[in-house]
Amino acid sequence: MADTAIVFEAHDNYVLDLKFTPDSSTLISCGMDALIRLWSAPGWRHETTLAGHEKSVNSLSLSADGRTLASGSTDGTVRLWTLPGGHLQHTMEVSKKTVAAVAIGPGDDQVASASYGGKVAIWRLDGAPLCAFKASKKNLSSVTYAASNTLVVSGLGGELTLWSVPEGEAVGTLAGHATAAGHLHRLDTGRLLSLGYEGDLRVWDVARLQLLEVVQLEPPGARGLALSPDRARAAVSFKGMIQLRTVADWAVQRVFDVRANAIYGMAFSPDGSWLAAGAADKKIRVWAL
């Protein structure tokens, strides 16, 4: 199968994050132009623009039912939108600093944010605050739920820290990355995947707080990570290319050429048909899988 991408102009600045709706019918993008845009799949026609953030939109998260979209921005807010209409439900003032990452919980009842300055905030999806706490003295860049009652955050410093939800109490630390860690993904019950700034993938046993595996990626400089819906494949981005790897042995399966210096958000469609990537050249690229 030819690895030729469908390419289209998506934003007026960097494309930073991508998500597919659960039925794979819509691709959602956000960018440094402070906008969120919805695209039909597979036609890739622009459907709707969600405006409201005052600065760069850095992160998106979708509820499992596809009805609620969370967005985190450099303007210090998290916003909740209804889909498919794109109506703004709630705006939560989270921080005076950049909200780098957001994650809706597995029960579709709460959303967590991680910000520069180390702050974590958790809210109900009706906009009511649950808790907020200082998780680090350094900038945070990633947040995910390891379980319905456990949150994992990471960023500068390389440590992954675990927190109880909704209490916001520290429950453990996973140390190993040298300088910074991000792109946290739940592999399955009990296992977590993280990408280090130094270019290594690490697999963790969250319950036992143990490192299970270290994968040194080649070439150096891996910057992005996305997992397929069945957790069997991983997309890893580098300058100018994306590697598609099998999770069982981390072997490179396919390589996609990307004529852009920096690749940011990547997303697999839930039906496994597509891989999408957003880049610094304002474009989205989509490959048939």
C-alpha atoms as a PDB file:
ATOM      1  CA  MET A   1       0.000   0.000   0.000  1.00  0.00           C
ATOM      2  CA  ALA A   2       1.353   3.414  -0.943  1.00  0.00           C
ATOM      3  CA  ASP A   3       2.076   5.652   2.031  1.00  0.00           C
ATOM      4  CA  THR A   4       0.912   8.851   0.334  1.00  0.00           C
ATOM      5  CA  ALA A   5      -0.749  11.304   2.683  1.00  0.00           C
ATOM      6  CA  ILE A   6      -3.866  13.363   2.172  1.00  0.00           C
ATOM      7  CA  VAL A   7      -2.700  16.891   3.048  1.00  0.00           C
ATOM      8  CA  PHE A   8      -4.824  19.944   3.788  1.00  0.00           C
ATOM      9  CA  GLU A   9      -4.370  23.400   5.317  1.00  0.00           C
ATOM     10  CA  ALA A  10      -6.021  23.393   8.735  1.00  0.00           C
ATOM     11  CA  HIS A  11      -4.997  26.394  10.843  1.00  0.00           C
ATOM     12  CA  ASP A  12      -3.311  29.792  10.597  1.00  0.00           C
ATOM     13  CA  ASN A  13      -0.472  28.620  12.837  1.00  0.00           C
ATOM     14  CA  TYR A  14       0.928  25.369  14.267  1.00  0.00           C
ATOM     15  CA  VAL A  15      -1.501  22.439  14.539  1.00  0.00           C
ATOM     16  CA  LEU A  16      -0.987  21.196  18.096  1.00  0.00           C
ATOM     17  CA  ASP A  17      -3.415  18.370  18.852  1.00  0.00           C
ATOM     18  CA  LEU A  18      -5.862  16.049  17.088  1.00  0.00           C
ATOM     19  CA  LYS A  19      -8.713  13.790  18.167  1.00  0.00           C
ATOM     20  CA  PHE A  20     -11.188  11.607  16.280  1.00  0.00           C
ATOM     21  CA  THR A  21     -14.770  11.236  17.471  1.00  0.00           C
ATOM     22  CA  PRO A  22     -15.662   7.710  18.670  1.00  0.00           C
ATOM     23  CA  ASP A  23     -17.536   6.896  15.447  1.00  0.00           C
ATOM     24  CA  SER A  24     -14.513   8.003  13.355  1.00  0.00           C
ATOM     25  CA  SER A  25     -16.727  10.407  11.391  1.00  0.00           C
ATOM     26  CA  THR A  26     -15.062  13.630  12.522  1.00  0.00           C
ATOM     27  CA  LEU A  27     -11.468  14.753  13.073  1.00  0.00           C
ATOM     28  CA  ILE A  28     -11.001  17.574  15.586  1.00  0.00           C
ATOM     29  CA  SER A  29      -7.925  19.820  15.488  1.00  0.00           C
ATOM     30  CA  CYS A  30      -6.636  22.685  17.592  1.00  0.00           C
ATOM     31  CA  GLY A  31      -3.839  25.131  17.009  1.00  0.00           C
ATOM     32  CA  MET A  32      -1.732  28.058  17.991  1.00  0.00           C
ATOM     33  CA  ASP A  33      -4.280  30.323  16.268  1.00  0.00           C
ATOM     34  CA  ALA A  34      -6.600  29.807  19.308  1.00  0.00           C
ATOM     35  CA  LEU A  35      -9.155  27.871  17.247  1.00  0.00           C
ATOM     36  CA  ILE A  36     -10.663  24.387  17.297  1.00  0.00           C
ATOM     37  CA  ARG A  37     -11.820  22.987  13.976  1.00  0.00           C
ATOM     38  CA  LEU A  38     -13.925  19.976  13.018  1.00  0.00           C
ATOM     39  CA  TRP A  39     -13.347  18.064   9.767  1.00  0.00           C
ATOM     40  CA  SER A  40     -15.486  15.401   8.121  1.00  0.00           C
ATOM     41  CA  ALA A  41     -13.949  11.957   7.715  1.00  0.00           C
ATOM     42  CA  PRO A  42     -13.047  10.679   5.236  1.00  0.00           C
ATOM     43  CA  GLY A  43     -13.815  13.711   3.056  1.00  0.00           C
ATOM     44  CA  TRP A  44     -11.714  16.044   5.260  1.00  0.00           C
ATOM     45  CA  ARG A  45     -14.040  18.976   4.619  1.00  0.00           C
ATOM     46  CA  HIS A  46     -14.194  21.759   7.179  1.00  0.00           C
ATOM     47  CA  GLU A  47     -17.430  21.487   9.183  1.00  0.00           C
ATOM     48  CA  THR A  48     -17.254  23.842  12.173  1.00  0.00           C
ATOM     49  CA  THR A  49     -14.898  26.231  13.941  1.00  0.00           C
ATOM     50  CA  LEU A  50     -15.064  26.595  17.728  1.00  0.00           C
ATOM     51  CA  ALA A  51     -13.826  30.017  18.821  1.00  0.00           C
ATOM     52  CA  GLY A  52     -13.525  31.363  22.348  1.00  0.00           C
ATOM     53  CA  HIS A  53     -10.013  30.762  23.605  1.00  0.00           C
ATOM     54  CA  GLU A  54      -7.874  33.899  23.617  1.00  0.00           C
ATOM     55  CA  LYS A  55      -4.548  32.160  23.040  1.00  0.00           C
ATOM     56  CA  SER A  56      -3.113  28.915  21.674  1.00  0.00           C
ATOM     57  CA  VAL A  57      -5.229  25.772  22.184  1.00  0.00           C
ATOM     58  CA  ASN A  58      -2.729  23.110  23.234  1.00  0.00           C
ATOM     59  CA  SER A  59      -4.684  19.986  24.124  1.00  0.00           C
ATOM     60  CA  LEU A  60      -7.978  18.224  23.435  1.00  0.00           C
ATOM     61  CA  SER A  61      -9.802  15.377  25.152  1.00  0.00           C
ATOM     62  CA  LEU A  62     -13.072  13.691  24.191  1.00  0.00           C
ATOM     63  CA  SER A  63     -15.528  11.876  26.424  1.00  0.00           C
ATOM     64  CA  ALA A  64     -16.079   8.216  25.595  1.00  0.00           C
ATOM     65  CA  ASP A  65     -19.577   8.950  24.296  1.00  0.00           C
ATOM     66  CA  GLY A  66     -18.217  11.705  22.037  1.00  0.00           C
ATOM     67  CA  ARG A  67     -20.598  14.323  23.397  1.00  0.00           C
ATOM     68  CA  THR A  68     -18.165  16.456  25.398  1.00  0.00           C
ATOM     69  CA  LEU A  69     -14.923  18.001  24.165  1.00  0.00           C
ATOM     70  CA  ALA A  70     -12.419  19.518  26.606  1.00  0.00           C
ATOM     71  CA  SER A  71      -9.785  22.011  25.473  1.00  0.00           C
ATOM     72  CA  GLY A  72      -6.822  23.481  27.353  1.00  0.00           C
ATOM     73  CA  SER A  73      -5.193  26.757  26.382  1.00  0.00           C
ATOM     74  CA  THR A  74      -2.314  29.122  26.972  1.00  0.00           C
ATOM     75  CA  ASP A  75      -4.984  31.597  28.145  1.00  0.00           C
ATOM     76  CA  GLY A  76      -5.142  29.577  31.390  1.00  0.00           C
ATOM     77  CA  THR A  77      -8.607  28.115  30.856  1.00  0.00           C
ATOM     78  CA  VAL A  78     -10.193  24.759  30.224  1.00  0.00           C
ATOM     79  CA  ARG A  79     -13.342  24.885  28.119  1.00  0.00           C
ATOM     80  CA  LEU A  80     -16.018  22.239  27.702  1.00  0.00           C
ATOM     81  CA  TRP A  81     -17.970  22.037  24.444  1.00  0.00           C
ATOM     82  CA  THR A  82     -20.953  19.931  23.398  1.00  0.00           C
ATOM     83  CA  LEU A  83     -20.709  17.903  20.215  1.00  0.00           C
ATOM     84  CA  PRO A  84     -21.673  17.737  17.447  1.00  0.00           C
ATOM     85  CA  GLY A  85     -22.968  21.310  17.653  1.00  0.00           C
ATOM     86  CA  GLY A  86     -19.908  22.873  19.276  1.00  0.00           C
ATOM     87  CA  HIS A  87     -21.825  24.845  21.930  1.00  0.00           C
ATOM     88  CA  LEU A  88     -19.625  26.177  24.748  1.00  0.00           C
ATOM     89  CA  GLN A  89     -20.853  24.625  28.023  1.00  0.00           C
ATOM     90  CA  HIS A  90     -18.389  25.820  30.632  1.00  0.00           C
ATOM     91  CA  THR A  91     -15.222  27.882  30.952  1.00  0.00           C
ATOM     92  CA  MET A  92     -13.011  27.033  33.930  1.00  0.00           C
ATOM     93  CA  GLU A  93     -10.355  29.504  35.019  1.00  0.00           C
ATOM     94  CA  VAL A  94      -7.567  27.113  35.885  1.00  0.00           C
ATOM     95  CA  SER A  95      -4.289  29.005  36.032  1.00  0.00           C
ATOM     96  CA  LYS A  96      -2.530  32.229  35.182  1.00  0.00           C
ATOM     97  CA  LYS A  97      -0.113  30.045  33.242  1.00  0.00           C
ATOM     98  CA  THR A  98      -0.424  27.782  30.221  1.00  0.00           C
ATOM     99  CA  VAL A  99      -2.743  24.788  30.434  1.00  0.00           C
ATOM    100  CA  ALA A 100      -0.617  22.239  28.590  1.00  0.00           C
ATOM    101  CA  ALA A 101      -2.794  19.125  28.773  1.00  0.00           C
ATOM    102  CA  VAL A 102      -6.331  17.990  29.541  1.00  0.00           C
ATOM    103  CA  ALA A 103      -7.880  14.552  30.058  1.00  0.00           C
ATOM    104  CA  ILE A 104     -11.493  13.519  30.571  1.00  0.00           C
ATOM    105  CA  GLY A 105     -11.802  10.677  33.068  1.00  0.00           C
ATOM    106  CA  PRO A 106     -12.827   7.149  32.054  1.00  0.00           C
ATOM    107  CA  GLY A 107     -16.233   7.585  33.698  1.00  0.00           C
ATOM    108  CA  ASP A 108     -17.031  10.677  31.592  1.00  0.00           C
ATOM    109  CA  ASP A 109     -17.708  12.544  34.836  1.00  0.00           C
ATOM    110  CA  GLN A 110     -14.624  14.733  35.299  1.00  0.00           C
ATOM    111  CA  VAL A 111     -11.785  16.491  33.501  1.00  0.00           C
ATOM    112  CA  ALA A 112      -8.212  17.026  34.696  1.00  0.00           C
ATOM    113  CA  SER A 113      -5.752  19.666  33.548  1.00  0.00           C
ATOM    114  CA  ALA A 114      -1.968  20.001  33.884  1.00  0.00           C
ATOM    115  CA  SER A 115      -0.368  23.436  33.679  1.00  0.00           C
ATOM    116  CA  TYR A 116       2.946  25.190  33.556  1.00  0.00           C
ATOM    117  CA  GLY A 117       4.049  25.930  37.095  1.00  0.00           C
ATOM    118  CA  GLY A 118       3.044  22.427  38.183  1.00  0.00           C
ATOM    119  CA  LYS A 119      -0.651  22.925  38.948  1.00  0.00           C
ATOM    120  CA  VAL A 120      -3.222  20.166  38.463  1.00  0.00           C
ATOM    121  CA  ALA A 121      -6.949  20.935  38.587  1.00  0.00           C
ATOM    122  CA  ILE A 122      -9.874  18.517  38.408  1.00  0.00           C
ATOM    123  CA  TRP A 123     -13.441  19.543  37.620  1.00  0.00           C
ATOM    124  CA  ARG A 124     -16.756  17.822  37.174  1.00  0.00           C
ATOM    125  CA  LEU A 125     -18.138  18.010  33.665  1.00  0.00           C
ATOM    126  CA  ASP A 126     -20.857  20.343  34.933  1.00  0.00           C
ATOM    127  CA  GLY A 127     -18.096  22.866  35.688  1.00  0.00           C
ATOM    128  CA  ALA A 128     -17.955  22.333  39.453  1.00  0.00           C
ATOM    129  CA  PRO A 129     -14.420  22.125  40.912  1.00  0.00           C
ATOM    130  CA  LEU A 130     -13.337  18.885  42.582  1.00  0.00           C
ATOM    131  CA  CYS A 131      -9.776  19.665  43.649  1.00  0.00           C
ATOM    132  CA  ALA A 132      -6.597  21.497  42.709  1.00  0.00           C
ATOM    133  CA  PHE A 133      -3.051  20.860  43.873  1.00  0.00           C
ATOM    134  CA  LYS A 134       0.600  21.543  43.154  1.00  0.00           C
ATOM    135  CA  ALA A 135       2.036  18.422  41.546  1.00  0.00           C
ATOM    136  CA  SER A 136       5.464  19.836  40.698  1.00  0.00           C
ATOM    137  CA  LYS A 137       7.617  22.924  40.965  1.00  0.00           C
ATOM    138  CA  LYS A 138       8.285  22.598  37.239  1.00  0.00           C
ATOM    139  CA  ASN A 139       6.168  22.793  34.106  1.00  0.00           C
ATOM    140  CA  LEU A 140       3.782  19.923  33.459  1.00  0.00           C
ATOM    141  CA  SER A 141       3.131  18.771  29.899  1.00  0.00           C
ATOM    142  CA  SER A 142       0.993  15.626  30.110  1.00  0.00           C
ATOM    143  CA  VAL A 143      -1.859  14.147  32.135  1.00  0.00           C
ATOM    144  CA  THR A 144      -3.792  10.893  31.892  1.00  0.00           C
ATOM    145  CA  TYR A 145      -5.942   8.604  34.009  1.00  0.00           C
ATOM    146  CA  ALA A 146      -4.239   5.326  34.913  1.00  0.00           C
ATOM    147  CA  ALA A 147      -7.560   4.269  36.472  1.00  0.00           C
ATOM    148  CA  SER A 148     -10.812   5.968  37.413  1.00  0.00           C
ATOM    149  CA  ASN A 149      -9.326   6.954  40.773  1.00  0.00           C
ATOM    150  CA  THR A 150      -5.686   7.521  39.772  1.00  0.00           C
ATOM    151  CA  LEU A 151      -4.210  10.408  37.806  1.00  0.00           C
ATOM    152  CA  VAL A 152      -0.691  10.474  36.332  1.00  0.00           C
ATOM    153  CA  VAL A 153       1.104  13.699  35.403  1.00  0.00           C
ATOM    154  CA  SER A 154       4.546  14.409  33.954  1.00  0.00           C
ATOM    155  CA  GLY A 155       6.691  17.167  32.537  1.00  0.00           C
ATOM    156  CA  LEU A 156      10.062  18.733  33.185  1.00  0.00           C
ATOM    157  CA  GLY A 157      12.204  16.765  35.602  1.00  0.00           C
ATOM    158  CA  GLY A 158      11.372  13.383  34.105  1.00  0.00           C
ATOM    159  CA  GLU A 159       9.299  11.962  36.961  1.00  0.00           C
ATOM    160  CA  LEU A 160       5.790  10.610  36.587  1.00  0.00           C
ATOM    161  CA  THR A 161       3.736  11.309  39.702  1.00  0.00           C
ATOM    162  CA  LEU A 162       0.525   9.513  40.677  1.00  0.00           C
ATOM    163  CA  TRP A 163      -2.363  11.173  42.513  1.00  0.00           C
ATOM    164  CA  SER A 164      -5.604   9.912  43.992  1.00  0.00           C
ATOM    165  CA  VAL A 165      -8.842  11.260  42.524  1.00  0.00           C
ATOM    166  CA  PRO A 166     -10.733  13.234  43.708  1.00  0.00           C
ATOM    167  CA  GLU A 167      -8.674  13.689  46.885  1.00  0.00           C
ATOM    168  CA  GLY A 168      -5.590  14.983  45.089  1.00  0.00           C
ATOM    169  CA  GLU A 169      -3.207  13.094  47.372  1.00  0.00           C
ATOM    170  CA  ALA A 170       0.183  11.800  46.193  1.00  0.00           C
ATOM    171  CA  VAL A 171       0.230   8.007  45.886  1.00  0.00           C
ATOM    172  CA  GLY A 172       3.513   7.292  44.121  1.00  0.00           C
ATOM    173  CA  THR A 173       6.345   8.293  41.810  1.00  0.00           C
ATOM    174  CA  LEU A 174       7.769   6.646  38.699  1.00  0.00           C
ATOM    175  CA  ALA A 175      11.326   7.859  38.149  1.00  0.00           C
ATOM    176  CA  GLY A 176      13.623   7.111  35.235  1.00  0.00           C
ATOM    177  CA  HIS A 177      13.414   9.681  32.458  1.00  0.00           C
ATOM    178  CA  ALA A 178      16.465  11.933  32.528  1.00  0.00           C
ATOM    179  CA  THR A 179      15.141  15.402  31.743  1.00  0.00           C
ATOM    180  CA  ALA A 180      11.444  15.435  30.837  1.00  0.00           C
ATOM    181  CA  ALA A 181       8.596  13.026  30.165  1.00  0.00           C
ATOM    182  CA  GLY A 182       5.351  13.397  28.298  1.00  0.00           C
ATOM    183  CA  HIS A 183       2.845  11.718  26.004  1.00  0.00           C
ATOM    184  CA  LEU A 184       1.408   9.454  28.677  1.00  0.00           C
ATOM    185  CA  HIS A 185      -0.791   6.619  27.429  1.00  0.00           C
ATOM    186  CA  ARG A 186      -2.580   3.840  29.259  1.00  0.00           C
ATOM    187  CA  LEU A 187      -1.604   0.581  27.551  1.00  0.00           C
ATOM    188  CA  ASP A 188      -4.040  -1.637  29.431  1.00  0.00           C
ATOM    189  CA  THR A 189      -5.161  -2.265  32.985  1.00  0.00           C
ATOM    190  CA  GLY A 190      -2.123  -1.584  35.138  1.00  0.00           C
ATOM    191  CA  ARG A 191       0.367  -0.601  32.419  1.00  0.00           C
ATOM    192  CA  LEU A 192       1.349   2.894  31.341  1.00  0.00           C
ATOM    193  CA  LEU A 193       3.518   4.129  28.463  1.00  0.00           C
ATOM    194  CA  SER A 194       5.612   7.315  28.538  1.00  0.00           C
ATOM    195  CA  LEU A 195       7.930   9.048  26.076  1.00  0.00           C
ATOM    196  CA  GLY A 196      11.050  10.758  27.403  1.00  0.00           C
ATOM    197  CA  TYR A 197      12.656  13.874  25.973  1.00  0.00           C
ATOM    198  CA  GLU A 198      15.828  11.848  25.475  1.00  0.00           C
ATOM    199  CA  GLY A 199      13.936   9.611  23.047  1.00  0.00           C
ATOM    200  CA  ASP A 200      13.160   6.526  25.101  1.00  0.00           C
ATOM    201  CA  LEU A 201       9.830   4.798  25.599  1.00  0.00           C
ATOM    202  CA  ARG A 202       9.139   3.347  29.023  1.00  0.00           C
ATOM    203  CA  VAL A 203       6.495   0.850  30.066  1.00  0.00           C
ATOM    204  CA  TRP A 204       5.416   0.984  33.715  1.00  0.00           C
ATOM    205  CA  ASP A 205       3.451  -1.185  36.112  1.00  0.00           C
ATOM    206  CA  VAL A 206       1.425   1.524  37.810  1.00  0.00           C
ATOM    207  CA  ALA A 207       0.082  -0.561  40.698  1.00  0.00           C
ATOM    208  CA  ARG A 208       3.537  -1.822  41.688  1.00  0.00           C
ATOM    209  CA  LEU A 209       5.352   1.410  40.751  1.00  0.00           C
ATOM    210  CA  GLN A 210       7.807  -0.622  38.664  1.00  0.00           C
ATOM    211  CA  LEU A 211       9.578  -0.055  35.357  1.00  0.00           C
ATOM    212  CA  LEU A 212       8.838  -2.993  33.050  1.00  0.00           C
ATOM    213  CA  GLU A 213      10.605  -2.073  29.813  1.00  0.00           C
ATOM    214  CA  VAL A 214      12.800   0.594  28.204  1.00  0.00           C
ATOM    215  CA  VAL A 215      12.790   1.013  24.422  1.00  0.00           C
ATOM    216  CA  GLN A 216      15.568   3.143  22.907  1.00  0.00           C
ATOM    217  CA  LEU A 217      14.137   4.701  19.775  1.00  0.00           C
ATOM    218  CA  GLU A 218      16.153   5.317  16.627  1.00  0.00           C
ATOM    219  CA  PRO A 219      16.886   7.815  15.260  1.00  0.00           C
ATOM    220  CA  PRO A 220      17.290  10.165  18.250  1.00  0.00           C
ATOM    221  CA  GLY A 221      14.824  12.981  18.723  1.00  0.00           C
ATOM    222  CA  ALA A 222      11.427  11.283  19.090  1.00  0.00           C
ATOM    223  CA  ARG A 223       8.912  13.941  20.069  1.00  0.00           C
ATOM    224  CA  GLY A 224       5.381  12.569  19.721  1.00  0.00           C
ATOM    225  CA  LEU A 225       3.463   9.399  20.485  1.00  0.00           C
ATOM    226  CA  ALA A 226      -0.005   8.040  19.715  1.00  0.00           C
ATOM    227  CA  LEU A 227      -1.517   4.609  20.318  1.00  0.00           C
ATOM    228  CA  SER A 228      -3.928   2.744  18.063  1.00  0.00           C
ATOM    229  CA  PRO A 229      -7.370   1.953  19.532  1.00  0.00           C
ATOM    230  CA  ASP A 230      -6.480  -1.719  20.054  1.00  0.00           C
ATOM    231  CA  ARG A 231      -3.146  -0.712  21.630  1.00  0.00           C
ATOM    232  CA  ALA A 232      -1.356  -2.985  19.140  1.00  0.00           C
ATOM    233  CA  ARG A 233       0.429  -0.185  17.246  1.00  0.00           C
ATOM    234  CA  ALA A 234       2.135   3.061  18.158  1.00  0.00           C
ATOM    235  CA  ALA A 235       2.932   6.070  16.002  1.00  0.00           C
ATOM    236  CA  VAL A 236       6.155   7.846  16.966  1.00  0.00           C
ATOM    237  CA  SER A 237       7.023  11.199  15.414  1.00  0.00           C
ATOM    238  CA  PHE A 238      10.473  12.550  14.605  1.00  0.00           C
ATOM    239  CA  LYS A 239      11.644  15.527  12.578  1.00  0.00           C
ATOM    240  CA  GLY A 240      10.362  14.837   9.074  1.00  0.00           C
ATOM    241  CA  MET A 241       8.848  11.404   9.641  1.00  0.00           C
ATOM    242  CA  ILE A 242       6.518   9.168  11.601  1.00  0.00           C
ATOM    243  CA  GLN A 243       7.281   5.550  12.444  1.00  0.00           C
ATOM    244  CA  LEU A 244       4.473   3.050  12.868  1.00  0.00           C
ATOM    245  CA  ARG A 245       5.622   0.397  15.349  1.00  0.00           C
ATOM    246  CA  THR A 246       4.089  -2.797  16.723  1.00  0.00           C
ATOM    247  CA  VAL A 247       3.736  -2.580  20.501  1.00  0.00           C
ATOM    248  CA  ALA A 248       4.449  -6.283  21.074  1.00  0.00           C
ATOM    249  CA  ASP A 249       8.098  -5.987  19.978  1.00  0.00           C
ATOM    250  CA  TRP A 250       8.402  -2.272  19.039  1.00  0.00           C
ATOM    251  CA  ALA A 251       9.500  -3.201  15.514  1.00  0.00           C
ATOM    252  CA  VAL A 252       9.092  -0.538  12.826  1.00  0.00           C
ATOM    253  CA  GLN A 253       6.203  -1.548  10.570  1.00  0.00           C
ATOM    254  CA  ARG A 254       5.906   1.471   8.271  1.00  0.00           C
ATOM    255  CA  VAL A 255       7.514   4.893   7.867  1.00  0.00           C
ATOM    256  CA  PHE A 256       5.585   7.970   6.749  1.00  0.00           C
ATOM    257  CA  ASP A 257       7.458  10.891   5.225  1.00  0.00           C
ATOM    258  CA  VAL A 258       6.369  14.283   6.569  1.00  0.00           C
ATOM    259  CA  ARG A 259       7.764  17.375   4.910  1.00  0.00           C
ATOM    260  CA  ALA A 260       7.562  19.475   8.058  1.00  0.00           C
ATOM    261  CA  ASN A 261      10.158  20.261  10.699  1.00  0.00           C
ATOM    262  CA  ALA A 262       7.922  19.695  13.709  1.00  0.00           C
ATOM    263  CA  ILE A 263       5.048  17.230  14.099  1.00  0.00           C
ATOM    264  CA  TYR A 264       2.766  17.817  17.055  1.00  0.00           C
ATOM    265  CA  GLY A 265      -0.551  16.050  17.582  1.00  0.00           C
ATOM    266  CA  MET A 266      -1.240  12.599  16.133  1.00  0.00           C
ATOM    267  CA  ALA A 267      -4.377  10.482  16.311  1.00  0.00           C
ATOM    268  CA  PHE A 268      -5.600   7.100  15.111  1.00  0.00           C
ATOM    269  CA  SER A 269      -9.240   6.858  14.105  1.00  0.00           C
ATOM    270  CA  PRO A 270     -11.159   4.512  16.447  1.00  0.00           C
ATOM    271  CA  ASP A 271     -12.041   2.199  13.542  1.00  0.00           C
ATOM    272  CA  GLY A 272      -8.328   1.817  12.760  1.00  0.00           C
ATOM    273  CA  SER A 273      -8.631   3.186   9.229  1.00  0.00           C
ATOM    274  CA  TRP A 274      -6.646   6.411   9.539  1.00  0.00           C
ATOM    275  CA  LEU A 275      -3.629   8.029  11.153  1.00  0.00           C
ATOM    276  CA  ALA A 276      -3.679  11.829  11.271  1.00  0.00           C
ATOM    277  CA  ALA A 277      -0.829  14.188  12.166  1.00  0.00           C
ATOM    278  CA  GLY A 278      -0.690  17.945  12.706  1.00  0.00           C
ATOM    279  CA  ALA A 279       2.456  19.958  12.094  1.00  0.00           C
ATOM    280  CA  ALA A 280       4.154  23.322  12.379  1.00  0.00           C
ATOM    281  CA  ASP A 281       3.427  24.066   8.713  1.00  0.00           C
ATOM    282  CA  LYS A 282      -0.288  24.579   9.616  1.00  0.00           C
ATOM    283  CA  LYS A 283      -1.294  21.397   7.802  1.00  0.00           C
ATOM    284  CA  ILE A 284      -2.892  18.095   8.706  1.00  0.00           C
ATOM    285  CA  ARG A 285      -1.750  14.895   7.018  1.00  0.00           C
ATOM    286  CA  VAL A 286      -3.847  11.741   6.961  1.00  0.00           C
ATOM    287  CA  TRP A 287      -2.719   8.250   5.952  1.00  0.00           C
ATOM    288  CA  ALA A 288      -4.918   5.253   5.197  1.00  0.00           C
ATOM    289  CA  LEU A 289      -3.943   2.275   7.329  1.00  0.00           C
END
